[in-house]
PDB file of N, CA and C in Angstrom:
ATOM      1  N   UNK A   1      -4.518  14.931  30.809  1.00  0.00           N
ATOM      2  CA  UNK A   1      -5.135  14.010  29.936  1.00  0.00           C
ATOM      3  C   UNK A   1      -6.460  15.135  28.820  1.00  0.00           C
ATOM      4  N   UNK A   2      -6.978  16.596  29.560  1.00  0.00           N
ATOM      5  CA  UNK A   2      -7.077  17.426  29.308  1.00  0.00           C
ATOM      6  C   UNK A   2      -6.324  17.977  28.190  1.00  0.00           C
ATOM      7  N   UNK A   3      -5.301  18.678  28.343  1.00  0.00           N
ATOM      8  CA  UNK A   3      -4.444  19.090  27.733  1.00  0.00           C
ATOM      9  C   UNK A   3      -3.861  18.138  26.725  1.00  0.00           C
ATOM     10  N   UNK A   4      -3.827  16.977  26.711  1.00  0.00           N
ATOM     11  CA  UNK A   4      -3.413  15.882  25.396  1.00  0.00           C
ATOM     12  C   UNK A   4      -4.599  15.589  23.954  1.00  0.00           C
ATOM     13  N   UNK A   5      -5.933  15.831  24.671  1.00  0.00           N
ATOM     14  CA  UNK A   5      -6.901  15.129  24.240  1.00  0.00           C
ATOM     15  C   UNK A   5      -7.266  16.355  23.211  1.00  0.00           C
ATOM     16  N   UNK A   6      -7.277  18.005  24.052  1.00  0.00           N
ATOM     17  CA  UNK A   6      -7.307  19.275  23.536  1.00  0.00           C
ATOM     18  C   UNK A   6      -6.216  19.605  21.758  1.00  0.00           C
ATOM     19  N   UNK A   7      -5.107  18.599  22.233  1.00  0.00           N
ATOM     20  CA  UNK A   7      -4.473  19.341  21.596  1.00  0.00           C
ATOM     21  C   UNK A   7      -4.335  18.046  20.182  1.00  0.00           C
ATOM     22  N   UNK A   8      -4.549  16.363  20.263  1.00  0.00           N
ATOM     23  CA  UNK A   8      -5.047  15.920  19.589  1.00  0.00           C
ATOM     24  C   UNK A   8      -6.127  14.756  19.252  1.00  0.00           C
ATOM     25  N   UNK A   9      -7.284  15.544  20.356  1.00  0.00           N
ATOM     26  CA  UNK A   9      -8.446  14.786  20.348  1.00  0.00           C
ATOM     27  C   UNK A   9      -9.139  14.662  19.371  1.00  0.00           C
ATOM     28  N   UNK A  10      -9.083  15.193  18.183  1.00  0.00           N
ATOM     29  CA  UNK A  10      -9.821  15.139  17.076  1.00  0.00           C
ATOM     30  C   UNK A  10     -10.238  13.532  16.488  1.00  0.00           C
ATOM     31  N   UNK A  11     -10.853  12.964  15.187  1.00  0.00           N
ATOM     32  CA  UNK A  11     -11.581  12.061  15.230  1.00  0.00           C
ATOM     33  C   UNK A  11     -10.102  11.497  15.065  1.00  0.00           C
ATOM     34  N   UNK A  12      -9.552  12.541  13.485  1.00  0.00           N
ATOM     35  CA  UNK A  12      -8.092  13.090  12.781  1.00  0.00           C
ATOM     36  C   UNK A  12      -7.393  12.902  12.713  1.00  0.00           C
ATOM     37  N   UNK A  13      -6.393  13.664  13.611  1.00  0.00           N
ATOM     38  CA  UNK A  13      -5.320  14.022  14.333  1.00  0.00           C
ATOM     39  C   UNK A  13      -4.483  12.947  14.379  1.00  0.00           C
ATOM     40  N   UNK A  14      -4.826  11.975  14.769  1.00  0.00           N
ATOM     41  CA  UNK A  14      -3.749  10.606  14.922  1.00  0.00           C
ATOM     42  C   UNK A  14      -3.179   9.932  13.966  1.00  0.00           C
ATOM     43  N   UNK A  15      -4.206  10.044  12.440  1.00  0.00           N
ATOM     44  CA  UNK A  15      -4.314   9.559  11.520  1.00  0.00           C
ATOM     45  C   UNK A  15      -3.303  10.071  10.935  1.00  0.00           C
ATOM     46  N   UNK A  16      -3.656  11.432  10.429  1.00  0.00           N
ATOM     47  CA  UNK A  16      -2.339  12.949  10.231  1.00  0.00           C
ATOM     48  C   UNK A  16      -1.000  12.356  10.414  1.00  0.00           C
ATOM     49  N   UNK A  17      -0.490  12.246  11.401  1.00  0.00           N
ATOM     50  CA  UNK A  17       0.449  12.510  12.486  1.00  0.00           C
ATOM     51  C   UNK A  17       0.955  11.615  11.682  1.00  0.00           C
ATOM     52  N   UNK A  18       0.217  10.353  11.767  1.00  0.00           N
ATOM     53  CA  UNK A  18       0.870   9.446  11.721  1.00  0.00           C
ATOM     54  C   UNK A  18       1.663   8.912  10.661  1.00  0.00           C
ATOM     55  N   UNK A  19       0.860   9.746   9.136  1.00  0.00           N
ATOM     56  CA  UNK A  19       1.260   9.437   7.624  1.00  0.00           C
ATOM     57  C   UNK A  19       2.320  10.899   8.021  1.00  0.00           C
ATOM     58  N   UNK A  20       2.566  11.711   8.392  1.00  0.00           N
ATOM     59  CA  UNK A  20       3.125  12.623   8.280  1.00  0.00           C
ATOM     60  C   UNK A  20       4.800  12.140   8.964  1.00  0.00           C
ATOM     61  N   UNK A  21       4.622  11.493  10.298  1.00  0.00           N
ATOM     62  CA  UNK A  21       5.582  11.140  10.913  1.00  0.00           C
ATOM     63  C   UNK A  21       6.700   9.635   9.945  1.00  0.00           C
ATOM     64  N   UNK A  22       6.117  10.108   8.644  1.00  0.00           N
ATOM     65  CA  UNK A  22       6.852   8.734   7.618  1.00  0.00           C
ATOM     66  C   UNK A  22       7.537  10.028   6.701  1.00  0.00           C
ATOM     67  N   UNK A  23       6.903  10.741   6.274  1.00  0.00           N
ATOM     68  CA  UNK A  23       7.087  11.958   5.119  1.00  0.00           C
ATOM     69  C   UNK A  23       6.782  13.087   5.547  1.00  0.00           C
ATOM     70  N   UNK A  24       7.193  14.514   4.925  1.00  0.00           N
ATOM     71  CA  UNK A  24       6.210  15.410   5.017  1.00  0.00           C
ATOM     72  C   UNK A  24       5.402  15.116   3.685  1.00  0.00           C
ATOM     73  N   UNK A  25       4.276  15.861   3.678  1.00  0.00           N
ATOM     74  CA  UNK A  25       2.869  15.317   2.529  1.00  0.00           C
ATOM     75  C   UNK A  25       2.675  17.099   2.301  1.00  0.00           C
ATOM     76  N   UNK A  26       1.776  16.816   0.631  1.00  0.00           N
ATOM     77  CA  UNK A  26       1.156  17.743   0.874  1.00  0.00           C
ATOM     78  C   UNK A  26      -0.139  17.368   0.506  1.00  0.00           C
ATOM     79  N   UNK A  27      -0.902  18.592   0.375  1.00  0.00           N
ATOM     80  CA  UNK A  27      -2.742  18.440   1.512  1.00  0.00           C
ATOM     81  C   UNK A  27      -2.807  17.666   0.847  1.00  0.00           C
ATOM     82  N   UNK A  28      -2.528  17.359  -0.720  1.00  0.00           N
ATOM     83  CA  UNK A  28      -3.905  16.365  -1.642  1.00  0.00           C
ATOM     84  C   UNK A  28      -3.531  15.327  -1.558  1.00  0.00           C
ATOM     85  N   UNK A  29      -2.207  14.962  -1.103  1.00  0.00           N
ATOM     86  CA  UNK A  29      -1.453  13.836  -0.807  1.00  0.00           C
ATOM     87  C   UNK A  29      -2.015  13.348   0.785  1.00  0.00           C
ATOM     88  N   UNK A  30      -2.357  14.076   1.837  1.00  0.00           N
ATOM     89  CA  UNK A  30      -3.314  13.317   2.250  1.00  0.00           C
ATOM     90  C   UNK A  30      -3.947  13.063   2.582  1.00  0.00           C
ATOM     91  N   UNK A  31      -5.559  13.990   1.559  1.00  0.00           N
ATOM     92  CA  UNK A  31      -6.683  13.248   1.298  1.00  0.00           C
ATOM     93  C   UNK A  31      -6.699  12.224   0.649  1.00  0.00           C
ATOM     94  N   UNK A  32      -5.764  11.674  -0.152  1.00  0.00           N
ATOM     95  CA  UNK A  32      -5.634  10.405  -1.129  1.00  0.00           C
ATOM     96  C   UNK A  32      -5.272   9.559   0.271  1.00  0.00           C
ATOM     97  N   UNK A  33      -4.178   9.853   0.818  1.00  0.00           N
ATOM     98  CA  UNK A  33      -4.452   9.234   1.809  1.00  0.00           C
ATOM     99  C   UNK A  33      -5.237   8.596   3.254  1.00  0.00           C
ATOM    100  N   UNK A  34      -6.133   9.170   2.909  1.00  0.00           N
ATOM    101  CA  UNK A  34      -7.002   9.710   4.566  1.00  0.00           C
ATOM    102  C   UNK A  34      -8.581   9.885   3.369  1.00  0.00           C
ATOM    103  N   UNK A  35      -8.938   8.562   2.393  1.00  0.00           N
ATOM    104  CA  UNK A  35      -9.839   9.563   1.699  1.00  0.00           C
ATOM    105  C   UNK A  35     -11.352   9.717   2.356  1.00  0.00           C
ATOM    106  N   UNK A  36     -11.698   9.476   3.694  1.00  0.00           N
ATOM    107  CA  UNK A  36     -12.768   9.085   4.473  1.00  0.00           C
ATOM    108  C   UNK A  36     -13.075  11.137   5.048  1.00  0.00           C
ATOM    109  N   UNK A  37     -12.013  11.585   4.656  1.00  0.00           N
ATOM    110  CA  UNK A  37     -12.005  12.601   5.484  1.00  0.00           C
ATOM    111  C   UNK A  37     -12.302  13.958   4.222  1.00  0.00           C
ATOM    112  N   UNK A  38     -12.871  14.887   4.583  1.00  0.00           N
ATOM    113  CA  UNK A  38     -13.328  16.023   3.765  1.00  0.00           C
ATOM    114  C   UNK A  38     -12.049  17.136   3.750  1.00  0.00           C
ATOM    115  N   UNK A  39     -12.142  17.776   2.465  1.00  0.00           N
ATOM    116  CA  UNK A  39     -11.330  18.983   2.496  1.00  0.00           C
ATOM    117  C   UNK A  39     -11.587  20.159   3.358  1.00  0.00           C
ATOM    118  N   UNK A  40     -12.963  20.081   4.442  1.00  0.00           N
ATOM    119  CA  UNK A  40     -12.635  21.229   5.329  1.00  0.00           C
ATOM    120  C   UNK A  40     -12.566  20.625   6.308  1.00  0.00           C
ATOM    121  N   UNK A  41     -12.567  19.495   6.539  1.00  0.00           N
ATOM    122  CA  UNK A  41     -11.821  19.007   8.030  1.00  0.00           C
ATOM    123  C   UNK A  41     -10.418  18.056   7.959  1.00  0.00           C
ATOM    124  N   UNK A  42      -9.769  18.277   6.914  1.00  0.00           N
ATOM    125  CA  UNK A  42      -8.173  18.134   6.707  1.00  0.00           C
ATOM    126  C   UNK A  42      -7.742  19.323   7.064  1.00  0.00           C
ATOM    127  N   UNK A  43      -8.226  20.852   5.923  1.00  0.00           N
ATOM    128  CA  UNK A  43      -7.813  21.932   6.614  1.00  0.00           C
ATOM    129  C   UNK A  43      -8.297  22.254   7.825  1.00  0.00           C
ATOM    130  N   UNK A  44      -8.853  22.065   8.219  1.00  0.00           N
ATOM    131  CA  UNK A  44      -9.076  22.901   9.827  1.00  0.00           C
ATOM    132  C   UNK A  44      -8.542  22.051  11.122  1.00  0.00           C
ATOM    133  N   UNK A  45      -8.046  20.509  10.921  1.00  0.00           N
ATOM    134  CA  UNK A  45      -7.457  19.381  11.005  1.00  0.00           C
ATOM    135  C   UNK A  45      -6.302  19.608  10.987  1.00  0.00           C
ATOM    136  N   UNK A  46      -5.269  20.236  10.150  1.00  0.00           N
ATOM    137  CA  UNK A  46      -3.840  21.042  10.061  1.00  0.00           C
ATOM    138  C   UNK A  46      -3.583  21.743  10.164  1.00  0.00           C
ATOM    139  N   UNK A  47      -4.844  22.787  10.243  1.00  0.00           N
ATOM    140  CA  UNK A  47      -4.415  24.227  11.120  1.00  0.00           C
ATOM    141  C   UNK A  47      -4.303  24.058  12.619  1.00  0.00           C
ATOM    142  N   UNK A  48      -5.283  23.186  13.605  1.00  0.00           N
ATOM    143  CA  UNK A  48      -5.477  22.758  14.544  1.00  0.00           C
ATOM    144  C   UNK A  48      -3.705  21.883  14.829  1.00  0.00           C
ATOM    145  N   UNK A  49      -2.921  21.491  14.202  1.00  0.00           N
ATOM    146  CA  UNK A  49      -1.925  20.534  14.710  1.00  0.00           C
ATOM    147  C   UNK A  49      -0.870  21.672  14.576  1.00  0.00           C
ATOM    148  N   UNK A  50      -1.010  22.267  13.705  1.00  0.00           N
ATOM    149  CA  UNK A  50      -0.182  23.501  13.290  1.00  0.00           C
ATOM    150  C   UNK A  50       0.148  24.599  14.527  1.00  0.00           C
ATOM    151  N   UNK A  51      -1.143  24.889  15.265  1.00  0.00           N
ATOM    152  CA  UNK A  51      -1.139  26.116  16.211  1.00  0.00           C
ATOM    153  C   UNK A  51      -0.408  25.092  17.214  1.00  0.00           C
ATOM    154  N   UNK A  52      -1.043  23.522  17.638  1.00  0.00           N
ATOM    155  CA  UNK A  52      -0.395  23.097  18.324  1.00  0.00           C
ATOM    156  C   UNK A  52       0.910  22.953  18.881  1.00  0.00           C
ATOM    157  N   UNK A  53       2.196  23.289  17.493  1.00  0.00           N
ATOM    158  CA  UNK A  53       3.203  22.841  17.056  1.00  0.00           C
ATOM    159  C   UNK A  53       3.086  21.463  17.295  1.00  0.00           C
ATOM    160  N   UNK A  54       2.217  20.685  17.137  1.00  0.00           N
ATOM    161  CA  UNK A  54       2.631  19.358  16.402  1.00  0.00           C
ATOM    162  C   UNK A  54       3.696  18.781  14.833  1.00  0.00           C
ATOM    163  N   UNK A  55       3.206  19.949  14.095  1.00  0.00           N
ATOM    164  CA  UNK A  55       3.100  20.005  12.542  1.00  0.00           C
ATOM    165  C   UNK A  55       3.381  21.540  12.332  1.00  0.00           C
ATOM    166  N   UNK A  56       4.163  21.396  10.599  1.00  0.00           N
ATOM    167  CA  UNK A  56       5.056  22.360  10.380  1.00  0.00           C
ATOM    168  C   UNK A  56       4.286  22.998   9.122  1.00  0.00           C
ATOM    169  N   UNK A  57       4.104  23.966   8.638  1.00  0.00           N
ATOM    170  CA  UNK A  57       3.884  23.767   6.919  1.00  0.00           C
ATOM    171  C   UNK A  57       5.148  24.513   6.604  1.00  0.00           C
ATOM    172  N   UNK A  58       5.903  23.851   5.474  1.00  0.00           N
ATOM    173  CA  UNK A  58       7.389  23.616   4.638  1.00  0.00           C
ATOM    174  C   UNK A  58       6.667  24.079   3.216  1.00  0.00           C
ATOM    175  N   UNK A  59       7.326  25.296   2.769  1.00  0.00           N
ATOM    176  CA  UNK A  59       6.992  25.932   1.698  1.00  0.00           C
ATOM    177  C   UNK A  59       8.236  26.184   0.811  1.00  0.00           C
ATOM    178  N   UNK A  60       8.003  25.387  -0.346  1.00  0.00           N
ATOM    179  CA  UNK A  60       8.931  25.605  -1.026  1.00  0.00           C
ATOM    180  C   UNK A  60       8.207  25.779  -2.552  1.00  0.00           C
ATOM    181  N   UNK A  61       8.948  26.805  -3.404  1.00  0.00           N
ATOM    182  CA  UNK A  61       8.947  26.731  -4.967  1.00  0.00           C
ATOM    183  C   UNK A  61       7.743  26.391  -5.150  1.00  0.00           C
ATOM    184  N   UNK A  62       6.313  27.691  -4.324  1.00  0.00           N
ATOM    185  CA  UNK A  62       5.417  27.780  -4.799  1.00  0.00           C
ATOM    186  C   UNK A  62       4.576  26.441  -3.972  1.00  0.00           C
ATOM    187  N   UNK A  63       5.003  25.003  -3.499  1.00  0.00           N
ATOM    188  CA  UNK A  63       4.506  24.201  -3.352  1.00  0.00           C
ATOM    189  C   UNK A  63       4.306  24.110  -1.632  1.00  0.00           C
ATOM    190  N   UNK A  64       3.311  23.820  -1.095  1.00  0.00           N
ATOM    191  CA  UNK A  64       2.557  24.201   0.353  1.00  0.00           C
ATOM    192  C   UNK A  64       2.973  21.884   0.892  1.00  0.00           C
ATOM    193  N   UNK A  65       4.112  21.976   2.202  1.00  0.00           N
ATOM    194  CA  UNK A  65       3.816  20.849   2.544  1.00  0.00           C
ATOM    195  C   UNK A  65       3.918  20.563   3.652  1.00  0.00           C
ATOM    196  N   UNK A  66       3.047  19.193   4.476  1.00  0.00           N
ATOM    197  CA  UNK A  66       3.253  20.055   6.103  1.00  0.00           C
ATOM    198  C   UNK A  66       4.406  18.837   6.392  1.00  0.00           C
ATOM    199  N   UNK A  67       5.190  18.798   7.679  1.00  0.00           N
ATOM    200  CA  UNK A  67       5.758  17.823   8.647  1.00  0.00           C
ATOM    201  C   UNK A  67       5.734  18.070   9.453  1.00  0.00           C
ATOM    202  N   UNK A  68       5.855  16.518  10.141  1.00  0.00           N
ATOM    203  CA  UNK A  68       5.706  16.499  11.744  1.00  0.00           C
ATOM    204  C   UNK A  68       6.705  17.442  12.220  1.00  0.00           C
ATOM    205  N   UNK A  69       6.315  18.146  13.230  1.00  0.00           N
ATOM    206  CA  UNK A  69       8.047  18.451  14.193  1.00  0.00           C
ATOM    207  C   UNK A  69       8.156  17.893  15.213  1.00  0.00           C
ATOM    208  N   UNK A  70       9.090  18.550  15.638  1.00  0.00           N
ATOM    209  CA  UNK A  70      10.012  17.825  16.992  1.00  0.00           C
ATOM    210  C   UNK A  70       9.311  17.317  17.817  1.00  0.00           C
ATOM    211  N   UNK A  71       8.106  18.684  18.220  1.00  0.00           N
ATOM    212  CA  UNK A  71       7.273  18.269  19.248  1.00  0.00           C
ATOM    213  C   UNK A  71       5.730  16.641  19.167  1.00  0.00           C
ATOM    214  N   UNK A  72       5.866  17.338  17.531  1.00  0.00           N
ATOM    215  CA  UNK A  72       4.773  15.905  17.379  1.00  0.00           C
ATOM    216  C   UNK A  72       5.574  14.485  16.979  1.00  0.00           C
ATOM    217  N   UNK A  73       6.833  14.087  16.939  1.00  0.00           N
ATOM    218  CA  UNK A  73       8.055  13.768  16.894  1.00  0.00           C
ATOM    219  C   UNK A  73       7.849  12.878  18.524  1.00  0.00           C
ATOM    220  N   UNK A  74       7.389  13.624  19.375  1.00  0.00           N
ATOM    221  CA  UNK A  74       6.883  13.180  20.941  1.00  0.00           C
ATOM    222  C   UNK A  74       6.087  11.671  20.643  1.00  0.00           C
ATOM    223  N   UNK A  75       4.845  11.893  20.215  1.00  0.00           N
ATOM    224  CA  UNK A  75       4.384  11.334  20.025  1.00  0.00           C
ATOM    225  C   UNK A  75       4.125   9.660  19.801  1.00  0.00           C
ATOM    226  N   UNK A  76       5.135  10.198  18.755  1.00  0.00           N
ATOM    227  CA  UNK A  76       5.744   8.393  18.086  1.00  0.00           C
ATOM    228  C   UNK A  76       5.102   7.161  18.859  1.00  0.00           C
ATOM    229  N   UNK A  77       5.590   7.276  20.506  1.00  0.00           N
ATOM    230  CA  UNK A  77       4.721   6.264  21.252  1.00  0.00           C
ATOM    231  C   UNK A  77       3.504   5.989  21.020  1.00  0.00           C
ATOM    232  N   UNK A  78       2.788   6.519  21.535  1.00  0.00           N
ATOM    233  CA  UNK A  78       1.320   6.841  21.670  1.00  0.00           C
ATOM    234  C   UNK A  78       0.943   6.220  20.047  1.00  0.00           C
ATOM    235  N   UNK A  79       1.442   6.952  18.806  1.00  0.00           N
ATOM    236  CA  UNK A  79       0.602   6.522  17.080  1.00  0.00           C
ATOM    237  C   UNK A  79       0.814   5.250  17.209  1.00  0.00           C
ATOM    238  N   UNK A  80       2.361   4.522  17.371  1.00  0.00           N
ATOM    239  CA  UNK A  80       2.301   3.338  17.431  1.00  0.00           C
ATOM    240  C   UNK A  80       1.831   2.440  18.057  1.00  0.00           C
ATOM    241  N   UNK A  81       1.639   2.735  19.723  1.00  0.00           N
ATOM    242  CA  UNK A  81       0.551   1.938  20.427  1.00  0.00           C
ATOM    243  C   UNK A  81      -0.664   1.447  19.900  1.00  0.00           C
ATOM    244  N   UNK A  82      -1.047   3.124  19.306  1.00  0.00           N
ATOM    245  CA  UNK A  82      -2.763   2.961  18.657  1.00  0.00           C
ATOM    246  C   UNK A  82      -2.471   2.086  17.770  1.00  0.00           C
ATOM    247  N   UNK A  83      -2.220   2.189  16.650  1.00  0.00           N
ATOM    248  CA  UNK A  83      -1.745   1.331  15.903  1.00  0.00           C
ATOM    249  C   UNK A  83      -2.058   0.217  15.925  1.00  0.00           C
ATOM    250  N   UNK A  84      -0.764  -0.582  16.475  1.00  0.00           N
ATOM    251  CA  UNK A  84      -0.450  -1.846  16.981  1.00  0.00           C
ATOM    252  C   UNK A  84      -2.537  -2.566  17.550  1.00  0.00           C
ATOM    253  N   UNK A  85      -2.521  -1.591  18.694  1.00  0.00           N
ATOM    254  CA  UNK A  85      -3.799  -1.909  19.255  1.00  0.00           C
ATOM    255  C   UNK A  85      -4.717  -1.846  17.990  1.00  0.00           C
ATOM    256  N   UNK A  86      -4.999  -1.119  17.286  1.00  0.00           N
ATOM    257  CA  UNK A  86      -5.561  -1.219  16.228  1.00  0.00           C
ATOM    258  C   UNK A  86      -5.799  -2.423  15.463  1.00  0.00           C
ATOM    259  N   UNK A  87      -4.600  -2.891  14.882  1.00  0.00           N
ATOM    260  CA  UNK A  87      -4.691  -4.433  14.475  1.00  0.00           C
ATOM    261  C   UNK A  87      -4.966  -5.364  15.123  1.00  0.00           C
ATOM    262  N   UNK A  88      -4.394  -5.377  16.863  1.00  0.00           N
ATOM    263  CA  UNK A  88      -4.912  -5.966  17.280  1.00  0.00           C
ATOM    264  C   UNK A  88      -6.647  -6.783  17.228  1.00  0.00           C
ATOM    265  N   UNK A  89      -6.948  -5.278  17.302  1.00  0.00           N
ATOM    266  CA  UNK A  89      -8.687  -5.454  17.733  1.00  0.00           C
ATOM    267  C   UNK A  89      -9.133  -5.856  16.052  1.00  0.00           C
ATOM    268  N   UNK A  90      -8.647  -5.422  14.969  1.00  0.00           N
ATOM    269  CA  UNK A  90      -8.974  -6.344  13.983  1.00  0.00           C
ATOM    270  C   UNK A  90      -8.427  -7.802  13.537  1.00  0.00           C
ATOM    271  N   UNK A  91      -7.835  -8.093  14.203  1.00  0.00           N
ATOM    272  CA  UNK A  91      -7.430  -9.359  13.857  1.00  0.00           C
ATOM    273  C   UNK A  91      -8.656 -10.483  14.890  1.00  0.00           C
ATOM    274  N   UNK A  92      -8.336  -9.698  16.339  1.00  0.00           N
ATOM    275  CA  UNK A  92      -9.685 -10.497  16.683  1.00  0.00           C
ATOM    276  C   UNK A  92     -11.212 -10.064  16.480  1.00  0.00           C
ATOM    277  N   UNK A  93     -11.213  -9.513  16.022  1.00  0.00           N
ATOM    278  CA  UNK A  93     -12.712  -9.019  15.300  1.00  0.00           C
ATOM    279  C   UNK A  93     -12.946 -10.732  14.352  1.00  0.00           C
ATOM    280  N   UNK A  94     -11.655 -10.276  13.489  1.00  0.00           N
ATOM    281  CA  UNK A  94     -12.232 -11.482  12.419  1.00  0.00           C
ATOM    282  C   UNK A  94     -11.736 -12.865  12.603  1.00  0.00           C
TER     283      UNK A  94
END
């Protein structure tokens, strides 16, 4: 548990992995998709996810994008389970 939480335990990590699992995204696109995250925290979280090998920076023609790595895709069952639980939780509260 400690190793998993160290790698993905940040408040925003799973949300960013969720969006990156769908398609590679540029920094500004991620900021639009997750409007509550600050510029600084987004940059820090992306650096942490990259250091953990969960995402990769993709550079092309002076543009940088972020893409989920094969190791990051191994989190898909966890991301899907948390997403489904969140929807059920919101429906329960309504």
